[in-house]
PDB file of N, CA and C in Angstrom:
ATOM      1  N   MET A   1     -13.892   2.954  -1.676  1.00  0.00           N
ATOM      2  CA  MET A   1     -12.477   3.217  -1.870  1.00  0.00           C
ATOM      3  C   MET A   1     -12.291   3.728  -3.297  1.00  0.00           C
ATOM      4  N   SER A   2     -11.560   4.818  -3.430  1.00  0.00           N
ATOM      5  CA  SER A   2     -11.361   5.410  -4.749  1.00  0.00           C
ATOM      6  C   SER A   2     -10.326   4.607  -5.546  1.00  0.00           C
ATOM      7  N   ILE A   3     -10.278   4.900  -6.827  1.00  0.00           N
ATOM      8  CA  ILE A   3      -9.338   4.203  -7.714  1.00  0.00           C
ATOM      9  C   ILE A   3      -7.899   4.519  -7.307  1.00  0.00           C
ATOM     10  N   VAL A   4      -7.641   5.767  -6.925  1.00  0.00           N
ATOM     11  CA  VAL A   4      -6.289   6.149  -6.515  1.00  0.00           C
ATOM     12  C   VAL A   4      -5.867   5.352  -5.283  1.00  0.00           C
ATOM     13  N   GLN A   5      -6.787   5.185  -4.339  1.00  0.00           N
ATOM     14  CA  GLN A   5      -6.460   4.413  -3.138  1.00  0.00           C
ATOM     15  C   GLN A   5      -6.244   2.942  -3.462  1.00  0.00           C
ATOM     16  N   ARG A   6      -6.990   2.406  -4.395  1.00  0.00           N
ATOM     17  CA  ARG A   6      -6.790   1.001  -4.787  1.00  0.00           C
ATOM     18  C   ARG A   6      -5.428   0.796  -5.442  1.00  0.00           C
ATOM     19  N   ILE A   7      -5.059   1.710  -6.334  1.00  0.00           N
ATOM     20  CA  ILE A   7      -3.748   1.609  -6.980  1.00  0.00           C
ATOM     21  C   ILE A   7      -2.639   1.772  -5.946  1.00  0.00           C
ATOM     22  N   ALA A   8      -2.827   2.728  -5.025  1.00  0.00           N
ATOM     23  CA  ALA A   8      -1.843   2.933  -3.967  1.00  0.00           C
ATOM     24  C   ALA A   8      -1.737   1.698  -3.083  1.00  0.00           C
ATOM     25  N   LEU A   9      -2.863   1.057  -2.813  1.00  0.00           N
ATOM     26  CA  LEU A   9      -2.846  -0.155  -1.994  1.00  0.00           C
ATOM     27  C   LEU A   9      -2.097  -1.283  -2.703  1.00  0.00           C
ATOM     28  N   ILE A  10      -2.257  -1.410  -3.996  1.00  0.00           N
ATOM     29  CA  ILE A  10      -1.539  -2.443  -4.758  1.00  0.00           C
ATOM     30  C   ILE A  10      -0.037  -2.204  -4.674  1.00  0.00           C
ATOM     31  N   PHE A  11       0.395  -0.952  -4.876  1.00  0.00           N
ATOM     32  CA  PHE A  11       1.822  -0.641  -4.785  1.00  0.00           C
ATOM     33  C   PHE A  11       2.352  -0.858  -3.377  1.00  0.00           C
ATOM     34  N   THR A  12       1.544  -0.552  -2.371  1.00  0.00           N
ATOM     35  CA  THR A  12       1.967  -0.760  -0.995  1.00  0.00           C
ATOM     36  C   THR A  12       2.122  -2.248  -0.696  1.00  0.00           C
ATOM     37  N   ILE A  13       1.236  -3.056  -1.211  1.00  0.00           N
ATOM     38  CA  ILE A  13       1.339  -4.507  -1.020  1.00  0.00           C
ATOM     39  C   ILE A  13       2.587  -5.046  -1.718  1.00  0.00           C
ATOM     40  N   ILE A  14       2.850  -4.561  -2.926  1.00  0.00           N
ATOM     41  CA  ILE A  14       4.070  -4.985  -3.635  1.00  0.00           C
ATOM     42  C   ILE A  14       5.307  -4.599  -2.831  1.00  0.00           C
ATOM     43  N   GLY A  15       5.305  -3.384  -2.274  1.00  0.00           N
ATOM     44  CA  GLY A  15       6.424  -2.949  -1.446  1.00  0.00           C
ATOM     45  C   GLY A  15       6.577  -3.797  -0.194  1.00  0.00           C
ATOM     46  N   ALA A  16       5.446  -4.176   0.413  1.00  0.00           N
ATOM     47  CA  ALA A  16       5.503  -5.017   1.606  1.00  0.00           C
ATOM     48  C   ALA A  16       6.056  -6.403   1.277  1.00  0.00           C
ATOM     49  N   ILE A  17       5.673  -6.938   0.134  1.00  0.00           N
ATOM     50  CA  ILE A  17       6.212  -8.240  -0.285  1.00  0.00           C
ATOM     51  C   ILE A  17       7.724  -8.128  -0.512  1.00  0.00           C
ATOM     52  N   ASN A  18       8.146  -7.032  -1.126  1.00  0.00           N
ATOM     53  CA  ASN A  18       9.586  -6.838  -1.348  1.00  0.00           C
ATOM     54  C   ASN A  18      10.327  -6.753  -0.016  1.00  0.00           C
ATOM     55  N   TRP A  19       9.769  -6.019   0.956  1.00  0.00           N
ATOM     56  CA  TRP A  19      10.412  -5.938   2.271  1.00  0.00           C
ATOM     57  C   TRP A  19      10.424  -7.286   2.972  1.00  0.00           C
ATOM     58  N   GLY A  20       9.386  -8.092   2.768  1.00  0.00           N
ATOM     59  CA  GLY A  20       9.384  -9.437   3.330  1.00  0.00           C
ATOM     60  C   GLY A  20      10.486 -10.294   2.737  1.00  0.00           C
ATOM     61  N   LEU A  21      10.673 -10.173   1.426  1.00  0.00           N
ATOM     62  CA  LEU A  21      11.753 -10.916   0.779  1.00  0.00           C
ATOM     63  C   LEU A  21      13.116 -10.464   1.294  1.00  0.00           C
ATOM     64  N   ILE A  22      13.272  -9.161   1.517  1.00  0.00           N
ATOM     65  CA  ILE A  22      14.535  -8.656   2.051  1.00  0.00           C
ATOM     66  C   ILE A  22      14.755  -9.182   3.462  1.00  0.00           C
ATOM     67  N   GLY A  23      13.709  -9.154   4.269  1.00  0.00           N
ATOM     68  CA  GLY A  23      13.848  -9.568   5.661  1.00  0.00           C
ATOM     69  C   GLY A  23      14.088 -11.054   5.835  1.00  0.00           C
ATOM     70  N   PHE A  24      13.368 -11.863   5.071  1.00  0.00           N
ATOM     71  CA  PHE A  24      13.473 -13.311   5.252  1.00  0.00           C
ATOM     72  C   PHE A  24      14.605 -13.949   4.456  1.00  0.00           C
ATOM     73  N   PHE A  25      14.844 -13.453   3.255  1.00  0.00           N
ATOM     74  CA  PHE A  25      15.788 -14.127   2.365  1.00  0.00           C
ATOM     75  C   PHE A  25      16.953 -13.250   1.910  1.00  0.00           C
ATOM     76  N   ASN A  26      17.009 -11.995   2.389  1.00  0.00           N
ATOM     77  CA  ASN A  26      18.042 -11.049   1.988  1.00  0.00           C
ATOM     78  C   ASN A  26      18.083 -10.908   0.463  1.00  0.00           C
ATOM     79  N   PHE A  27      16.887 -10.829  -0.153  1.00  0.00           N
ATOM     80  CA  PHE A  27      16.751 -10.739  -1.606  1.00  0.00           C
ATOM     81  C   PHE A  27      15.879  -9.540  -1.938  1.00  0.00           C
ATOM     82  N   ASP A  28      16.430  -8.574  -2.626  1.00  0.00           N
ATOM     83  CA  ASP A  28      15.692  -7.377  -3.036  1.00  0.00           C
ATOM     84  C   ASP A  28      15.197  -7.595  -4.468  1.00  0.00           C
ATOM     85  N   LEU A  29      13.913  -7.835  -4.620  1.00  0.00           N
ATOM     86  CA  LEU A  29      13.336  -8.146  -5.924  1.00  0.00           C
ATOM     87  C   LEU A  29      13.428  -6.960  -6.880  1.00  0.00           C
ATOM     88  N   VAL A  30      13.168  -5.762  -6.389  1.00  0.00           N
ATOM     89  CA  VAL A  30      13.232  -4.575  -7.248  1.00  0.00           C
ATOM     90  C   VAL A  30      14.653  -4.364  -7.763  1.00  0.00           C
ATOM     91  N   ALA A  31      15.634  -4.507  -6.879  1.00  0.00           N
ATOM     92  CA  ALA A  31      17.031  -4.359  -7.310  1.00  0.00           C
ATOM     93  C   ALA A  31      17.438  -5.471  -8.260  1.00  0.00           C
ATOM     94  N   ALA A  32      16.899  -6.665  -8.082  1.00  0.00           N
ATOM     95  CA  ALA A  32      17.235  -7.777  -8.969  1.00  0.00           C
ATOM     96  C   ALA A  32      16.665  -7.560 -10.368  1.00  0.00           C
ATOM     97  N   ILE A  33      15.485  -6.947 -10.450  1.00  0.00           N
ATOM     98  CA  ILE A  33      14.857  -6.738 -11.755  1.00  0.00           C
ATOM     99  C   ILE A  33      15.423  -5.501 -12.450  1.00  0.00           C
ATOM    100  N   PHE A  34      15.541  -4.393 -11.724  1.00  0.00           N
ATOM    101  CA  PHE A  34      15.888  -3.118 -12.347  1.00  0.00           C
ATOM    102  C   PHE A  34      17.313  -2.663 -12.090  1.00  0.00           C
ATOM    103  N   GLY A  35      18.070  -3.390 -11.304  1.00  0.00           N
ATOM    104  CA  GLY A  35      19.444  -3.005 -11.019  1.00  0.00           C
ATOM    105  C   GLY A  35      19.561  -2.350  -9.652  1.00  0.00           C
ATOM    106  N   ASP A  36      20.685  -2.595  -9.024  1.00  0.00           N
ATOM    107  CA  ASP A  36      20.912  -2.060  -7.693  1.00  0.00           C
ATOM    108  C   ASP A  36      21.177  -0.560  -7.763  1.00  0.00           C
ATOM    109  N   ASN A  37      20.359   0.216  -7.078  1.00  0.00           N
ATOM    110  CA  ASN A  37      20.489   1.666  -6.977  1.00  0.00           C
ATOM    111  C   ASN A  37      20.409   2.355  -8.340  1.00  0.00           C
ATOM    112  N   SER A  38      19.622   1.799  -9.263  1.00  0.00           N
ATOM    113  CA  SER A  38      19.421   2.446 -10.551  1.00  0.00           C
ATOM    114  C   SER A  38      18.325   3.502 -10.417  1.00  0.00           C
ATOM    115  N   ALA A  39      18.204   4.330 -11.431  1.00  0.00           N
ATOM    116  CA  ALA A  39      17.198   5.395 -11.400  1.00  0.00           C
ATOM    117  C   ALA A  39      15.790   4.813 -11.365  1.00  0.00           C
ATOM    118  N   ILE A  40      15.568   3.741 -12.112  1.00  0.00           N
ATOM    119  CA  ILE A  40      14.231   3.123 -12.145  1.00  0.00           C
ATOM    120  C   ILE A  40      13.873   2.537 -10.794  1.00  0.00           C
ATOM    121  N   SER A  41      14.798   1.861 -10.144  1.00  0.00           N
ATOM    122  CA  SER A  41      14.497   1.281  -8.838  1.00  0.00           C
ATOM    123  C   SER A  41      14.254   2.374  -7.801  1.00  0.00           C
ATOM    124  N   ARG A  42      14.971   3.486  -7.886  1.00  0.00           N
ATOM    125  CA  ARG A  42      14.730   4.590  -6.961  1.00  0.00           C
ATOM    126  C   ARG A  42      13.363   5.208  -7.183  1.00  0.00           C
ATOM    127  N   VAL A  43      12.926   5.298  -8.444  1.00  0.00           N
ATOM    128  CA  VAL A  43      11.585   5.806  -8.742  1.00  0.00           C
ATOM    129  C   VAL A  43      10.536   4.863  -8.169  1.00  0.00           C
ATOM    130  N   ILE A  44      10.738   3.563  -8.318  1.00  0.00           N
ATOM    131  CA  ILE A  44       9.786   2.587  -7.784  1.00  0.00           C
ATOM    132  C   ILE A  44       9.716   2.687  -6.267  1.00  0.00           C
ATOM    133  N   TYR A  45      10.854   2.799  -5.604  1.00  0.00           N
ATOM    134  CA  TYR A  45      10.850   2.957  -4.147  1.00  0.00           C
ATOM    135  C   TYR A  45      10.123   4.240  -3.745  1.00  0.00           C
ATOM    136  N   GLY A  46      10.310   5.297  -4.504  1.00  0.00           N
ATOM    137  CA  GLY A  46       9.615   6.554  -4.226  1.00  0.00           C
ATOM    138  C   GLY A  46       8.115   6.434  -4.399  1.00  0.00           C
ATOM    139  N   ILE A  47       7.683   5.752  -5.465  1.00  0.00           N
ATOM    140  CA  ILE A  47       6.248   5.544  -5.702  1.00  0.00           C
ATOM    141  C   ILE A  47       5.635   4.732  -4.576  1.00  0.00           C
ATOM    142  N   VAL A  48       6.324   3.696  -4.147  1.00  0.00           N
ATOM    143  CA  VAL A  48       5.813   2.864  -3.047  1.00  0.00           C
ATOM    144  C   VAL A  48       5.695   3.698  -1.769  1.00  0.00           C
ATOM    145  N   GLY A  49       6.673   4.556  -1.525  1.00  0.00           N
ATOM    146  CA  GLY A  49       6.614   5.417  -0.342  1.00  0.00           C
ATOM    147  C   GLY A  49       5.452   6.392  -0.396  1.00  0.00           C
ATOM    148  N   ILE A  50       5.222   7.010  -1.539  1.00  0.00           N
ATOM    149  CA  ILE A  50       4.096   7.932  -1.698  1.00  0.00           C
ATOM    150  C   ILE A  50       2.767   7.189  -1.547  1.00  0.00           C
ATOM    151  N   CYS A  51       2.698   5.986  -2.096  1.00  0.00           N
ATOM    152  CA  CYS A  51       1.476   5.191  -1.973  1.00  0.00           C
ATOM    153  C   CYS A  51       1.208   4.817  -0.519  1.00  0.00           C
ATOM    154  N   GLY A  52       2.262   4.567   0.235  1.00  0.00           N
ATOM    155  CA  GLY A  52       2.082   4.299   1.659  1.00  0.00           C
ATOM    156  C   GLY A  52       1.483   5.496   2.373  1.00  0.00           C
ATOM    157  N   LEU A  53       1.921   6.695   1.999  1.00  0.00           N
ATOM    158  CA  LEU A  53       1.354   7.902   2.598  1.00  0.00           C
ATOM    159  C   LEU A  53      -0.104   8.099   2.202  1.00  0.00           C
ATOM    160  N   ILE A  54      -0.442   7.787   0.960  1.00  0.00           N
ATOM    161  CA  ILE A  54      -1.830   7.885   0.516  1.00  0.00           C
ATOM    162  C   ILE A  54      -2.713   6.930   1.315  1.00  0.00           C
ATOM    163  N   ASN A  55      -2.193   5.746   1.611  1.00  0.00           N
ATOM    164  CA  ASN A  55      -2.977   4.744   2.328  1.00  0.00           C
ATOM    165  C   ASN A  55      -3.152   5.049   3.806  1.00  0.00           C
ATOM    166  N   LEU A  56      -2.479   6.064   4.320  1.00  0.00           N
ATOM    167  CA  LEU A  56      -2.716   6.451   5.705  1.00  0.00           C
ATOM    168  C   LEU A  56      -4.182   6.824   5.934  1.00  0.00           C
ATOM    169  N   GLY A  57      -4.824   7.343   4.911  1.00  0.00           N
ATOM    170  CA  GLY A  57      -6.245   7.685   5.016  1.00  0.00           C
ATOM    171  C   GLY A  57      -7.128   6.479   5.255  1.00  0.00           C
ATOM    172  N   LEU A  58      -6.685   5.308   4.848  1.00  0.00           N
ATOM    173  CA  LEU A  58      -7.477   4.095   5.064  1.00  0.00           C
ATOM    174  C   LEU A  58      -7.558   3.716   6.534  1.00  0.00           C
ATOM    175  N   LEU A  59      -6.632   4.197   7.345  1.00  0.00           N
ATOM    176  CA  LEU A  59      -6.680   3.903   8.778  1.00  0.00           C
ATOM    177  C   LEU A  59      -7.927   4.488   9.431  1.00  0.00           C
ATOM    178  N   PHE A  60      -8.387   5.612   8.919  1.00  0.00           N
ATOM    179  CA  PHE A  60      -9.507   6.307   9.532  1.00  0.00           C
ATOM    180  C   PHE A  60     -10.826   6.070   8.795  1.00  0.00           C
ATOM    181  N   LYS A  61     -10.790   5.520   7.615  1.00  0.00           N
ATOM    182  CA  LYS A  61     -11.994   5.326   6.818  1.00  0.00           C
ATOM    183  C   LYS A  61     -12.930   4.245   7.356  1.00  0.00           C
ATOM    184  N   PRO A  62     -12.457   3.100   7.847  1.00  0.00           N
ATOM    185  CA  PRO A  62     -13.400   2.069   8.302  1.00  0.00           C
ATOM    186  C   PRO A  62     -14.325   2.531   9.422  1.00  0.00           C
ATOM    187  N   ASP A  63     -13.884   3.417  10.309  1.00  0.00           N
ATOM    188  CA  ASP A  63     -14.750   3.902  11.378  1.00  0.00           C
ATOM    189  C   ASP A  63     -15.931   4.673  10.814  1.00  0.00           C
ATOM    190  N   ALA A  64     -15.706   5.509   9.822  1.00  0.00           N
ATOM    191  CA  ALA A  64     -16.794   6.273   9.221  1.00  0.00           C
ATOM    192  C   ALA A  64     -17.768   5.352   8.509  1.00  0.00           C
ATOM    193  N   GLU A  65     -17.269   4.327   7.807  1.00  0.00           N
ATOM    194  CA  GLU A  65     -18.155   3.391   7.124  1.00  0.00           C
ATOM    195  C   GLU A  65     -18.938   2.556   8.123  1.00  0.00           C
ATOM    196  N   LEU A  66     -18.341   2.200   9.229  1.00  0.00           N
ATOM    197  CA  LEU A  66     -19.014   1.418  10.250  1.00  0.00           C
ATOM    198  C   LEU A  66     -20.163   2.212  10.856  1.00  0.00           C
ATOM    199  N   GLU A  67     -19.975   3.502  11.105  1.00  0.00           N
ATOM    200  CA  GLU A  67     -21.037   4.334  11.649  1.00  0.00           C
ATOM    201  C   GLU A  67     -22.199   4.435  10.686  1.00  0.00           C
ATOM    202  N   ARG A  68     -21.932   4.549   9.383  1.00  0.00           N
ATOM    203  CA  ARG A  68     -23.011   4.631   8.396  1.00  0.00           C
ATOM    204  C   ARG A  68     -23.806   3.341   8.329  1.00  0.00           C
ATOM    205  N   THR A  69     -23.143   2.194   8.392  1.00  0.00           N
ATOM    206  CA  THR A  69     -23.866   0.930   8.283  1.00  0.00           C
ATOM    207  C   THR A  69     -24.677   0.629   9.542  1.00  0.00           C
ATOM    208  N   THR A  70     -24.207   1.018  10.691  1.00  0.00           N
ATOM    209  CA  THR A  70     -24.985   0.771  11.911  1.00  0.00           C
ATOM    210  C   THR A  70     -26.182   1.693  11.997  1.00  0.00           C
ATOM    211  N   GLN A  71     -26.105   2.886  11.451  1.00  0.00           N
ATOM    212  CA  GLN A  71     -27.252   3.802  11.463  1.00  0.00           C
ATOM    213  C   GLN A  71     -28.302   3.382  10.460  1.00  0.00           C
ATOM    214  N   ALA A  72     -27.905   2.708   9.395  1.00  0.00           N
ATOM    215  CA  ALA A  72     -28.852   2.342   8.337  1.00  0.00           C
ATOM    216  C   ALA A  72     -29.685   1.124   8.699  1.00  0.00           C
ATOM    217  N   LYS A  73     -29.270   0.329   9.686  1.00  0.00           N
ATOM    218  CA  LYS A  73     -30.004  -0.882  10.038  1.00  0.00           C
ATOM    219  C   LYS A  73     -31.266  -0.526  10.833  1.00  0.00           C
ATOM    220  N   PRO A  74     -32.398  -1.057  10.413  1.00  0.00           N
ATOM    221  CA  PRO A  74     -33.629  -0.784  11.174  1.00  0.00           C
ATOM    222  C   PRO A  74     -33.658  -1.625  12.449  1.00  0.00           C
ATOM    223  N   THR A  75     -34.240  -1.067  13.488  1.00  0.00           N
ATOM    224  CA  THR A  75     -34.365  -1.815  14.753  1.00  0.00           C
ATOM    225  C   THR A  75     -35.812  -2.224  14.930  1.00  0.00           C
ATOM    226  N   ARG A  76     -36.014  -3.348  15.613  1.00  0.00           N
ATOM    227  CA  ARG A  76     -37.388  -3.835  15.832  1.00  0.00           C
ATOM    228  C   ARG A  76     -37.757  -3.723  17.264  1.00  0.00           C
TER     229      ARG A  76
END
């Protein structure tokens, strides 16, 4: 996994936690820290959205890694 994908995954996890807080407790952590509908909070929401799109590639990556590891194992 590249560094960009790791950073994107961290932002996606933060976004998922924020959505969990909104869903369960009706509490928007980003809006509470940076202000409701402020420019900074909109930038953060945009970054999280872009990171989610970057992580779409992770859906297809495990299959390729699985094929490489099964081919590398010696058989007896």
